[in-house]
Amino acid sequence: KSWEEVCPEGSTLAPDLLRGLAVEVPGPNNTTVVSRLSVDTLPTAPKQRLAELFRLRPEWAFDDLSVYLDDLLEREEWVAKSKRDLVLKFARQITKDGAQVFVGKL
């Protein structure tokens, strides 16, 4: 079902309200599906977490990806690093349709 079908009539739909709680992932027949995704359900190791994120969705905008990395930067080995440094250790940044996106390293 679409968001419009499951939300009460007159509701304003704002995908930003789901940041850190759910993501849009590829669905069947070239559709997009909103899937629940909480940081609590992801691996705690950075490499495994990013691998899982890229398994769920092959391309990420930095803002969409970064919400799932905040707790990793609190760890001793990453405390002085930026989120972008963490992502670039395990992913590649590419330009697609004029926008910068991150994809998993092969």
PDB file of N, CA and C in Angstrom:
ATOM      1  N   LYS A   1       0.835  -1.189   0.000  1.00  0.00           N
ATOM      2  CA  LYS A   1       0.000   0.000   0.000  1.00  0.00           C
ATOM      3  C   LYS A   1       0.878   1.250   0.000  1.00  0.00           C
ATOM      4  N   SER A   2       0.375   2.302  -0.572  1.00  0.00           N
ATOM      5  CA  SER A   2       1.111   3.561  -0.573  1.00  0.00           C
ATOM      6  C   SER A   2       0.878   4.283   0.748  1.00  0.00           C
ATOM      7  N   TRP A   3       1.717   5.272   1.023  1.00  0.00           N
ATOM      8  CA  TRP A   3       1.558   6.064   2.248  1.00  0.00           C
ATOM      9  C   TRP A   3       0.175   6.688   2.304  1.00  0.00           C
ATOM     10  N   GLU A   4      -0.271   7.167   1.153  1.00  0.00           N
ATOM     11  CA  GLU A   4      -1.571   7.827   1.117  1.00  0.00           C
ATOM     12  C   GLU A   4      -2.697   6.892   1.543  1.00  0.00           C
ATOM     13  N   GLU A   5      -2.565   5.616   1.247  1.00  0.00           N
ATOM     14  CA  GLU A   5      -3.605   4.642   1.566  1.00  0.00           C
ATOM     15  C   GLU A   5      -3.644   4.275   3.052  1.00  0.00           C
ATOM     16  N   VAL A   6      -2.515   4.378   3.735  1.00  0.00           N
ATOM     17  CA  VAL A   6      -2.474   3.938   5.132  1.00  0.00           C
ATOM     18  C   VAL A   6      -2.519   5.090   6.141  1.00  0.00           C
ATOM     19  N   CYS A   7      -2.340   6.309   5.681  1.00  0.00           N
ATOM     20  CA  CYS A   7      -2.374   7.461   6.583  1.00  0.00           C
ATOM     21  C   CYS A   7      -3.798   8.025   6.657  1.00  0.00           C
ATOM     22  N   PRO A   8      -4.155   8.567   7.813  1.00  0.00           N
ATOM     23  CA  PRO A   8      -5.485   9.175   7.938  1.00  0.00           C
ATOM     24  C   PRO A   8      -5.676  10.302   6.916  1.00  0.00           C
ATOM     25  N   GLU A   9      -6.903  10.473   6.482  1.00  0.00           N
ATOM     26  CA  GLU A   9      -7.224  11.506   5.519  1.00  0.00           C
ATOM     27  C   GLU A   9      -6.831  12.875   6.075  1.00  0.00           C
ATOM     28  N   GLY A  10      -6.209  13.689   5.224  1.00  0.00           N
ATOM     29  CA  GLY A  10      -5.785  15.017   5.642  1.00  0.00           C
ATOM     30  C   GLY A  10      -4.399  15.059   6.263  1.00  0.00           C
ATOM     31  N   SER A  11      -3.776  13.904   6.459  1.00  0.00           N
ATOM     32  CA  SER A  11      -2.426  13.865   7.026  1.00  0.00           C
ATOM     33  C   SER A  11      -1.410  14.360   6.010  1.00  0.00           C
ATOM     34  N   THR A  12      -0.416  15.049   6.503  1.00  0.00           N
ATOM     35  CA  THR A  12       0.684  15.473   5.660  1.00  0.00           C
ATOM     36  C   THR A  12       1.776  14.413   5.746  1.00  0.00           C
ATOM     37  N   LEU A  13       2.210  13.941   4.600  1.00  0.00           N
ATOM     38  CA  LEU A  13       3.229  12.903   4.560  1.00  0.00           C
ATOM     39  C   LEU A  13       4.606  13.545   4.462  1.00  0.00           C
ATOM     40  N   ALA A  14       5.472  13.215   5.410  1.00  0.00           N
ATOM     41  CA  ALA A  14       6.823  13.771   5.420  1.00  0.00           C
ATOM     42  C   ALA A  14       7.822  12.643   5.671  1.00  0.00           C
ATOM     43  N   PRO A  15       8.507  12.190   4.625  1.00  0.00           N
ATOM     44  CA  PRO A  15       9.482  11.115   4.797  1.00  0.00           C
ATOM     45  C   PRO A  15      10.555  11.419   5.848  1.00  0.00           C
ATOM     46  N   ASP A  16      10.873  12.686   6.066  1.00  0.00           N
ATOM     47  CA  ASP A  16      11.883  13.040   7.075  1.00  0.00           C
ATOM     48  C   ASP A  16      11.480  12.594   8.474  1.00  0.00           C
ATOM     49  N   LEU A  17      10.194  12.421   8.713  1.00  0.00           N
ATOM     50  CA  LEU A  17       9.731  11.961  10.020  1.00  0.00           C
ATOM     51  C   LEU A  17      10.194  10.533  10.323  1.00  0.00           C
ATOM     52  N   LEU A  18      10.547   9.793   9.286  1.00  0.00           N
ATOM     53  CA  LEU A  18      10.979   8.409   9.464  1.00  0.00           C
ATOM     54  C   LEU A  18      12.500   8.247   9.530  1.00  0.00           C
ATOM     55  N   ARG A  19      13.223   9.368   9.481  1.00  0.00           N
ATOM     56  CA  ARG A  19      14.694   9.319   9.514  1.00  0.00           C
ATOM     57  C   ARG A  19      15.180   8.567  10.737  1.00  0.00           C
ATOM     58  N   GLY A  20      15.973   7.540  10.509  1.00  0.00           N
ATOM     59  CA  GLY A  20      16.505   6.734  11.595  1.00  0.00           C
ATOM     60  C   GLY A  20      15.563   5.629  12.044  1.00  0.00           C
ATOM     61  N   LEU A  21      14.371   5.596  11.496  1.00  0.00           N
ATOM     62  CA  LEU A  21      13.388   4.565  11.853  1.00  0.00           C
ATOM     63  C   LEU A  21      13.052   3.650  10.684  1.00  0.00           C
ATOM     64  N   ALA A  22      13.118   4.190   9.476  1.00  0.00           N
ATOM     65  CA  ALA A  22      12.773   3.426   8.280  1.00  0.00           C
ATOM     66  C   ALA A  22      13.484   4.027   7.077  1.00  0.00           C
ATOM     67  N   VAL A  23      13.640   3.207   6.041  1.00  0.00           N
ATOM     68  CA  VAL A  23      14.275   3.659   4.803  1.00  0.00           C
ATOM     69  C   VAL A  23      13.490   3.145   3.613  1.00  0.00           C
ATOM     70  N   GLU A  24      13.664   3.825   2.508  1.00  0.00           N
ATOM     71  CA  GLU A  24      13.112   3.340   1.250  1.00  0.00           C
ATOM     72  C   GLU A  24      14.121   2.382   0.635  1.00  0.00           C
ATOM     73  N   VAL A  25      13.657   1.188   0.288  1.00  0.00           N
ATOM     74  CA  VAL A  25      14.520   0.172  -0.310  1.00  0.00           C
ATOM     75  C   VAL A  25      13.883  -0.322  -1.599  1.00  0.00           C
ATOM     76  N   PRO A  26      14.692  -0.888  -2.494  1.00  0.00           N
ATOM     77  CA  PRO A  26      14.123  -1.415  -3.734  1.00  0.00           C
ATOM     78  C   PRO A  26      13.127  -2.527  -3.438  1.00  0.00           C
ATOM     79  N   GLY A  27      12.001  -2.479  -4.117  1.00  0.00           N
ATOM     80  CA  GLY A  27      10.973  -3.499  -3.974  1.00  0.00           C
ATOM     81  C   GLY A  27      10.786  -4.253  -5.266  1.00  0.00           C
ATOM     82  N   PRO A  28       9.765  -5.100  -5.315  1.00  0.00           N
ATOM     83  CA  PRO A  28       9.522  -5.879  -6.532  1.00  0.00           C
ATOM     84  C   PRO A  28       9.026  -4.994  -7.685  1.00  0.00           C
ATOM     85  N   ASN A  29       9.303  -5.431  -8.863  1.00  0.00           N
ATOM     86  CA  ASN A  29       8.826  -4.750 -10.086  1.00  0.00           C
ATOM     87  C   ASN A  29       9.217  -3.279 -10.142  1.00  0.00           C
ATOM     88  N   ASN A  30      10.470  -2.979  -9.802  1.00  0.00           N
ATOM     89  CA  ASN A  30      10.989  -1.607  -9.854  1.00  0.00           C
ATOM     90  C   ASN A  30      10.199  -0.630  -8.985  1.00  0.00           C
ATOM     91  N   THR A  31       9.706  -1.085  -7.865  1.00  0.00           N
ATOM     92  CA  THR A  31       9.009  -0.220  -6.928  1.00  0.00           C
ATOM     93  C   THR A  31       9.929   0.109  -5.758  1.00  0.00           C
ATOM     94  N   THR A  32       9.498   1.009  -4.936  1.00  0.00           N
ATOM     95  CA  THR A  32      10.223   1.358  -3.717  1.00  0.00           C
ATOM     96  C   THR A  32       9.327   1.017  -2.534  1.00  0.00           C
ATOM     97  N   VAL A  33       9.920   0.399  -1.533  1.00  0.00           N
ATOM     98  CA  VAL A  33       9.197  -0.031  -0.344  1.00  0.00           C
ATOM     99  C   VAL A  33       9.802   0.658   0.865  1.00  0.00           C
ATOM    100  N   VAL A  34       8.971   1.102   1.786  1.00  0.00           N
ATOM    101  CA  VAL A  34       9.459   1.661   3.042  1.00  0.00           C
ATOM    102  C   VAL A  34       9.622   0.497   4.008  1.00  0.00           C
ATOM    103  N   SER A  35      10.836   0.336   4.517  1.00  0.00           N
ATOM    104  CA  SER A  35      11.145  -0.772   5.405  1.00  0.00           C
ATOM    105  C   SER A  35      11.661  -0.241   6.742  1.00  0.00           C
ATOM    106  N   ARG A  36      11.196  -0.828   7.824  1.00  0.00           N
ATOM    107  CA  ARG A  36      11.649  -0.425   9.157  1.00  0.00           C
ATOM    108  C   ARG A  36      13.143  -0.707   9.272  1.00  0.00           C
ATOM    109  N   LEU A  37      13.878   0.273   9.787  1.00  0.00           N
ATOM    110  CA  LEU A  37      15.307   0.099   9.996  1.00  0.00           C
ATOM    111  C   LEU A  37      15.742   0.990  11.149  1.00  0.00           C
ATOM    112  N   SER A  38      16.085   0.364  12.238  1.00  0.00           N
ATOM    113  CA  SER A  38      16.538   1.060  13.431  1.00  0.00           C
ATOM    114  C   SER A  38      18.013   0.754  13.656  1.00  0.00           C
ATOM    115  N   VAL A  39      18.737   1.706  14.192  1.00  0.00           N
ATOM    116  CA  VAL A  39      20.150   1.498  14.517  1.00  0.00           C
ATOM    117  C   VAL A  39      20.309   0.292  15.431  1.00  0.00           C
ATOM    118  N   ASP A  40      19.346   0.082  16.318  1.00  0.00           N
ATOM    119  CA  ASP A  40      19.416  -1.023  17.279  1.00  0.00           C
ATOM    120  C   ASP A  40      19.428  -2.394  16.615  1.00  0.00           C
ATOM    121  N   THR A  41      18.962  -2.492  15.387  1.00  0.00           N
ATOM    122  CA  THR A  41      18.908  -3.779  14.700  1.00  0.00           C
ATOM    123  C   THR A  41      20.135  -4.023  13.825  1.00  0.00           C
ATOM    124  N   LEU A  42      21.025  -3.046  13.736  1.00  0.00           N
ATOM    125  CA  LEU A  42      22.200  -3.153  12.865  1.00  0.00           C
ATOM    126  C   LEU A  42      23.412  -3.669  13.639  1.00  0.00           C
ATOM    127  N   PRO A  43      24.363  -4.288  12.931  1.00  0.00           N
ATOM    128  CA  PRO A  43      25.598  -4.736  13.591  1.00  0.00           C
ATOM    129  C   PRO A  43      26.331  -3.564  14.242  1.00  0.00           C
ATOM    130  N   THR A  44      27.082  -3.850  15.284  1.00  0.00           N
ATOM    131  CA  THR A  44      27.806  -2.800  16.002  1.00  0.00           C
ATOM    132  C   THR A  44      29.186  -2.523  15.402  1.00  0.00           C
ATOM    133  N   ALA A  45      29.710  -3.435  14.615  1.00  0.00           N
ATOM    134  CA  ALA A  45      31.007  -3.226  13.962  1.00  0.00           C
ATOM    135  C   ALA A  45      30.796  -2.394  12.702  1.00  0.00           C
ATOM    136  N   PRO A  46      31.602  -1.346  12.492  1.00  0.00           N
ATOM    137  CA  PRO A  46      31.402  -0.463  11.342  1.00  0.00           C
ATOM    138  C   PRO A  46      31.384  -1.178   9.994  1.00  0.00           C
ATOM    139  N   LYS A  47      32.313  -2.080   9.759  1.00  0.00           N
ATOM    140  CA  LYS A  47      32.382  -2.763   8.466  1.00  0.00           C
ATOM    141  C   LYS A  47      31.108  -3.566   8.215  1.00  0.00           C
ATOM    142  N   GLN A  48      30.661  -4.314   9.205  1.00  0.00           N
ATOM    143  CA  GLN A  48      29.457  -5.126   9.053  1.00  0.00           C
ATOM    144  C   GLN A  48      28.201  -4.258   8.949  1.00  0.00           C
ATOM    145  N   ARG A  49      28.178  -3.146   9.680  1.00  0.00           N
ATOM    146  CA  ARG A  49      27.015  -2.266   9.614  1.00  0.00           C
ATOM    147  C   ARG A  49      26.872  -1.676   8.215  1.00  0.00           C
ATOM    148  N   LEU A  50      27.968  -1.162   7.674  1.00  0.00           N
ATOM    149  CA  LEU A  50      27.892  -0.581   6.337  1.00  0.00           C
ATOM    150  C   LEU A  50      27.593  -1.646   5.286  1.00  0.00           C
ATOM    151  N   ALA A  51      28.135  -2.840   5.453  1.00  0.00           N
ATOM    152  CA  ALA A  51      27.813  -3.926   4.520  1.00  0.00           C
ATOM    153  C   ALA A  51      26.308  -4.215   4.549  1.00  0.00           C
ATOM    154  N   GLU A  52      25.711  -4.250   5.729  1.00  0.00           N
ATOM    155  CA  GLU A  52      24.274  -4.494   5.850  1.00  0.00           C
ATOM    156  C   GLU A  52      23.468  -3.354   5.227  1.00  0.00           C
ATOM    157  N   LEU A  53      23.883  -2.114   5.471  1.00  0.00           N
ATOM    158  CA  LEU A  53      23.180  -0.971   4.886  1.00  0.00           C
ATOM    159  C   LEU A  53      23.221  -1.013   3.360  1.00  0.00           C
ATOM    160  N   PHE A  54      24.391  -1.341   2.800  1.00  0.00           N
ATOM    161  CA  PHE A  54      24.498  -1.412   1.341  1.00  0.00           C
ATOM    162  C   PHE A  54      23.815  -2.661   0.781  1.00  0.00           C
ATOM    163  N   ARG A  55      23.629  -3.681   1.590  1.00  0.00           N
ATOM    164  CA  ARG A  55      22.847  -4.845   1.154  1.00  0.00           C
ATOM    165  C   ARG A  55      21.367  -4.446   1.034  1.00  0.00           C
ATOM    166  N   LEU A  56      20.904  -3.649   1.984  1.00  0.00           N
ATOM    167  CA  LEU A  56      19.502  -3.208   1.967  1.00  0.00           C
ATOM    168  C   LEU A  56      19.222  -2.234   0.833  1.00  0.00           C
ATOM    169  N   ARG A  57      20.179  -1.347   0.608  1.00  0.00           N
ATOM    170  CA  ARG A  57      20.011  -0.327  -0.431  1.00  0.00           C
ATOM    171  C   ARG A  57      21.385  -0.069  -1.034  1.00  0.00           C
ATOM    172  N   PRO A  58      21.553  -0.304  -2.331  1.00  0.00           N
ATOM    173  CA  PRO A  58      22.878  -0.217  -2.950  1.00  0.00           C
ATOM    174  C   PRO A  58      23.478   1.184  -3.021  1.00  0.00           C
ATOM    175  N   GLU A  59      22.653   2.214  -3.000  1.00  0.00           N
ATOM    176  CA  GLU A  59      23.141   3.597  -3.093  1.00  0.00           C
ATOM    177  C   GLU A  59      22.512   4.425  -1.985  1.00  0.00           C
ATOM    178  N   TRP A  60      23.339   5.277  -1.377  1.00  0.00           N
ATOM    179  CA  TRP A  60      22.865   6.130  -0.285  1.00  0.00           C
ATOM    180  C   TRP A  60      23.371   7.550  -0.468  1.00  0.00           C
ATOM    181  N   ALA A  61      22.512   8.516  -0.235  1.00  0.00           N
ATOM    182  CA  ALA A  61      22.950   9.901  -0.076  1.00  0.00           C
ATOM    183  C   ALA A  61      23.584   9.985   1.310  1.00  0.00           C
ATOM    184  N   PHE A  62      24.560  10.844   1.470  1.00  0.00           N
ATOM    185  CA  PHE A  62      25.271  10.929   2.746  1.00  0.00           C
ATOM    186  C   PHE A  62      24.322  11.235   3.906  1.00  0.00           C
ATOM    187  N   ASP A  63      23.398  12.160   3.732  1.00  0.00           N
ATOM    188  CA  ASP A  63      22.472  12.518   4.813  1.00  0.00           C
ATOM    189  C   ASP A  63      21.616  11.333   5.245  1.00  0.00           C
ATOM    190  N   ASP A  64      21.191  10.513   4.302  1.00  0.00           N
ATOM    191  CA  ASP A  64      20.380   9.336   4.641  1.00  0.00           C
ATOM    192  C   ASP A  64      21.202   8.293   5.389  1.00  0.00           C
ATOM    193  N   LEU A  65      22.445   8.134   4.987  1.00  0.00           N
ATOM    194  CA  LEU A  65      23.328   7.137   5.587  1.00  0.00           C
ATOM    195  C   LEU A  65      23.837   7.569   6.963  1.00  0.00           C
ATOM    196  N   SER A  66      24.110   8.837   7.112  1.00  0.00           N
ATOM    197  CA  SER A  66      24.782   9.317   8.329  1.00  0.00           C
ATOM    198  C   SER A  66      23.980   9.098   9.608  1.00  0.00           C
ATOM    199  N   VAL A  67      22.666   9.077   9.530  1.00  0.00           N
ATOM    200  CA  VAL A  67      21.849   8.874  10.729  1.00  0.00           C
ATOM    201  C   VAL A  67      22.105   7.496  11.349  1.00  0.00           C
ATOM    202  N   TYR A  68      22.571   6.558  10.556  1.00  0.00           N
ATOM    203  CA  TYR A  68      22.847   5.209  11.046  1.00  0.00           C
ATOM    204  C   TYR A  68      24.287   5.024  11.520  1.00  0.00           C
ATOM    205  N   LEU A  69      25.040   6.127  11.613  1.00  0.00           N
ATOM    206  CA  LEU A  69      26.453   6.039  11.992  1.00  0.00           C
ATOM    207  C   LEU A  69      26.801   6.793  13.273  1.00  0.00           C
ATOM    208  N   ASP A  70      25.890   7.591  13.784  1.00  0.00           N
ATOM    209  CA  ASP A  70      26.190   8.446  14.936  1.00  0.00           C
ATOM    210  C   ASP A  70      26.804   7.689  16.109  1.00  0.00           C
ATOM    211  N   ASP A  71      26.235   6.562  16.470  1.00  0.00           N
ATOM    212  CA  ASP A  71      26.737   5.830  17.638  1.00  0.00           C
ATOM    213  C   ASP A  71      28.136   5.256  17.407  1.00  0.00           C
ATOM    214  N   LEU A  72      28.502   4.995  16.145  1.00  0.00           N
ATOM    215  CA  LEU A  72      29.833   4.454  15.862  1.00  0.00           C
ATOM    216  C   LEU A  72      30.931   5.480  16.135  1.00  0.00           C
ATOM    217  N   LEU A  73      30.617   6.765  15.963  1.00  0.00           N
ATOM    218  CA  LEU A  73      31.617   7.812  16.170  1.00  0.00           C
ATOM    219  C   LEU A  73      31.931   8.033  17.648  1.00  0.00           C
ATOM    220  N   GLU A  74      31.146   7.451  18.533  1.00  0.00           N
ATOM    221  CA  GLU A  74      31.402   7.563  19.964  1.00  0.00           C
ATOM    222  C   GLU A  74      32.462   6.576  20.427  1.00  0.00           C
ATOM    223  N   ARG A  75      32.823   5.641  19.584  1.00  0.00           N
ATOM    224  CA  ARG A  75      33.829   4.649  19.945  1.00  0.00           C
ATOM    225  C   ARG A  75      35.224   5.249  19.894  1.00  0.00           C
ATOM    226  N   GLU A  76      36.070   4.729  20.731  1.00  0.00           N
ATOM    227  CA  GLU A  76      37.424   5.263  20.877  1.00  0.00           C
ATOM    228  C   GLU A  76      38.182   5.353  19.560  1.00  0.00           C
ATOM    229  N   GLU A  77      38.102   4.324  18.727  1.00  0.00           N
ATOM    230  CA  GLU A  77      38.880   4.324  17.481  1.00  0.00           C
ATOM    231  C   GLU A  77      38.346   5.290  16.437  1.00  0.00           C
ATOM    232  N   TRP A  78      37.114   5.792  16.595  1.00  0.00           N
ATOM    233  CA  TRP A  78      36.531   6.700  15.621  1.00  0.00           C
ATOM    234  C   TRP A  78      36.250   8.080  16.183  1.00  0.00           C
ATOM    235  N   VAL A  79      36.539   8.321  17.451  1.00  0.00           N
ATOM    236  CA  VAL A  79      36.126   9.563  18.105  1.00  0.00           C
ATOM    237  C   VAL A  79      36.686  10.816  17.417  1.00  0.00           C
ATOM    238  N   ALA A  80      37.859  10.752  16.857  1.00  0.00           N
ATOM    239  CA  ALA A  80      38.468  11.926  16.225  1.00  0.00           C
ATOM    240  C   ALA A  80      38.174  11.991  14.722  1.00  0.00           C
ATOM    241  N   LYS A  81      37.423  11.049  14.217  1.00  0.00           N
ATOM    242  CA  LYS A  81      37.147  10.987  12.783  1.00  0.00           C
ATOM    243  C   LYS A  81      35.778  11.582  12.478  1.00  0.00           C
ATOM    244  N   SER A  82      35.560  11.843  11.212  1.00  0.00           N
ATOM    245  CA  SER A  82      34.252  12.331  10.779  1.00  0.00           C
ATOM    246  C   SER A  82      33.432  11.156  10.241  1.00  0.00           C
ATOM    247  N   LYS A  83      32.139  11.375  10.098  1.00  0.00           N
ATOM    248  CA  LYS A  83      31.276  10.348   9.508  1.00  0.00           C
ATOM    249  C   LYS A  83      31.729  10.041   8.084  1.00  0.00           C
ATOM    250  N   ARG A  84      32.110  11.079   7.367  1.00  0.00           N
ATOM    251  CA  ARG A  84      32.544  10.882   5.982  1.00  0.00           C
ATOM    252  C   ARG A  84      33.791   9.987   5.938  1.00  0.00           C
ATOM    253  N   ASP A  85      34.735  10.189   6.870  1.00  0.00           N
ATOM    254  CA  ASP A  85      35.922   9.322   6.932  1.00  0.00           C
ATOM    255  C   ASP A  85      35.518   7.865   7.157  1.00  0.00           C
ATOM    256  N   LEU A  86      34.570   7.667   8.057  1.00  0.00           N
ATOM    257  CA  LEU A  86      34.098   6.320   8.363  1.00  0.00           C
ATOM    258  C   LEU A  86      33.455   5.685   7.127  1.00  0.00           C
ATOM    259  N   VAL A  87      32.600   6.417   6.451  1.00  0.00           N
ATOM    260  CA  VAL A  87      31.926   5.886   5.263  1.00  0.00           C
ATOM    261  C   VAL A  87      32.954   5.574   4.171  1.00  0.00           C
ATOM    262  N   LEU A  88      33.894   6.473   3.950  1.00  0.00           N
ATOM    263  CA  LEU A  88      34.869   6.279   2.872  1.00  0.00           C
ATOM    264  C   LEU A  88      35.830   5.121   3.131  1.00  0.00           C
ATOM    265  N   LYS A  89      35.960   4.708   4.376  1.00  0.00           N
ATOM    266  CA  LYS A  89      36.793   3.537   4.677  1.00  0.00           C
ATOM    267  C   LYS A  89      36.167   2.269   4.095  1.00  0.00           C
ATOM    268  N   PHE A  90      34.836   2.234   4.035  1.00  0.00           N
ATOM    269  CA  PHE A  90      34.138   1.026   3.611  1.00  0.00           C
ATOM    270  C   PHE A  90      33.255   1.208   2.369  1.00  0.00           C
ATOM    271  N   ALA A  91      33.264   2.397   1.767  1.00  0.00           N
ATOM    272  CA  ALA A  91      32.401   2.663   0.612  1.00  0.00           C
ATOM    273  C   ALA A  91      33.107   3.599  -0.365  1.00  0.00           C
ATOM    274  N   ARG A  92      32.516   3.731  -1.534  1.00  0.00           N
ATOM    275  CA  ARG A  92      33.028   4.653  -2.546  1.00  0.00           C
ATOM    276  C   ARG A  92      32.000   5.747  -2.777  1.00  0.00           C
ATOM    277  N   GLN A  93      32.488   6.938  -3.061  1.00  0.00           N
ATOM    278  CA  GLN A  93      31.603   8.052  -3.403  1.00  0.00           C
ATOM    279  C   GLN A  93      31.614   8.209  -4.911  1.00  0.00           C
ATOM    280  N   ILE A  94      30.418   8.251  -5.509  1.00  0.00           N
ATOM    281  CA  ILE A  94      30.303   8.409  -6.959  1.00  0.00           C
ATOM    282  C   ILE A  94      29.289   9.519  -7.242  1.00  0.00           C
ATOM    283  N   THR A  95      29.310   9.978  -8.486  1.00  0.00           N
ATOM    284  CA  THR A  95      28.309  10.940  -8.935  1.00  0.00           C
ATOM    285  C   THR A  95      27.325  10.202  -9.824  1.00  0.00           C
ATOM    286  N   LYS A  96      26.049  10.312  -9.468  1.00  0.00           N
ATOM    287  CA  LYS A  96      25.001   9.665 -10.259  1.00  0.00           C
ATOM    288  C   LYS A  96      23.900  10.678 -10.494  1.00  0.00           C
ATOM    289  N   ASP A  97      23.604  10.935 -11.749  1.00  0.00           N
ATOM    290  CA  ASP A  97      22.589  11.925 -12.123  1.00  0.00           C
ATOM    291  C   ASP A  97      22.850  13.276 -11.467  1.00  0.00           C
ATOM    292  N   GLY A  98      24.130  13.644 -11.376  1.00  0.00           N
ATOM    293  CA  GLY A  98      24.511  14.940 -10.828  1.00  0.00           C
ATOM    294  C   GLY A  98      24.550  15.018  -9.315  1.00  0.00           C
ATOM    295  N   ALA A  99      24.236  13.915  -8.626  1.00  0.00           N
ATOM    296  CA  ALA A  99      24.237  13.914  -7.159  1.00  0.00           C
ATOM    297  C   ALA A  99      25.333  12.982  -6.652  1.00  0.00           C
ATOM    298  N   GLN A 100      25.907  13.347  -5.513  1.00  0.00           N
ATOM    299  CA  GLN A 100      26.915  12.506  -4.877  1.00  0.00           C
ATOM    300  C   GLN A 100      26.209  11.429  -4.065  1.00  0.00           C
ATOM    301  N   VAL A 101      26.560  10.163  -4.313  1.00  0.00           N
ATOM    302  CA  VAL A 101      26.016   9.033  -3.562  1.00  0.00           C
ATOM    303  C   VAL A 101      27.158   8.114  -3.165  1.00  0.00           C
ATOM    304  N   PHE A 102      26.879   7.284  -2.174  1.00  0.00           N
ATOM    305  CA  PHE A 102      27.858   6.306  -1.714  1.00  0.00           C
ATOM    306  C   PHE A 102      27.377   4.908  -2.087  1.00  0.00           C
ATOM    307  N   VAL A 103      28.323   4.082  -2.509  1.00  0.00           N
ATOM    308  CA  VAL A 103      28.045   2.687  -2.842  1.00  0.00           C
ATOM    309  C   VAL A 103      29.069   1.835  -2.108  1.00  0.00           C
ATOM    310  N   GLY A 104      28.718   0.597  -1.833  1.00  0.00           N
ATOM    311  CA  GLY A 104      29.660  -0.304  -1.157  1.00  0.00           C
ATOM    312  C   GLY A 104      30.863  -0.594  -2.039  1.00  0.00           C
ATOM    313  N   LYS A 105      31.994  -0.812  -1.380  1.00  0.00           N
ATOM    314  CA  LYS A 105      33.186  -1.198  -2.128  1.00  0.00           C
ATOM    315  C   LYS A 105      33.051  -2.638  -2.574  1.00  0.00           C
ATOM    316  N   LEU A 106      33.544  -2.912  -3.757  1.00  0.00           N
ATOM    317  CA  LEU A 106      33.481  -4.286  -4.295  1.00  0.00           C
ATOM    318  C   LEU A 106      34.561  -5.135  -3.688  1.00  0.00           C
TER     319      LEU A 106
END
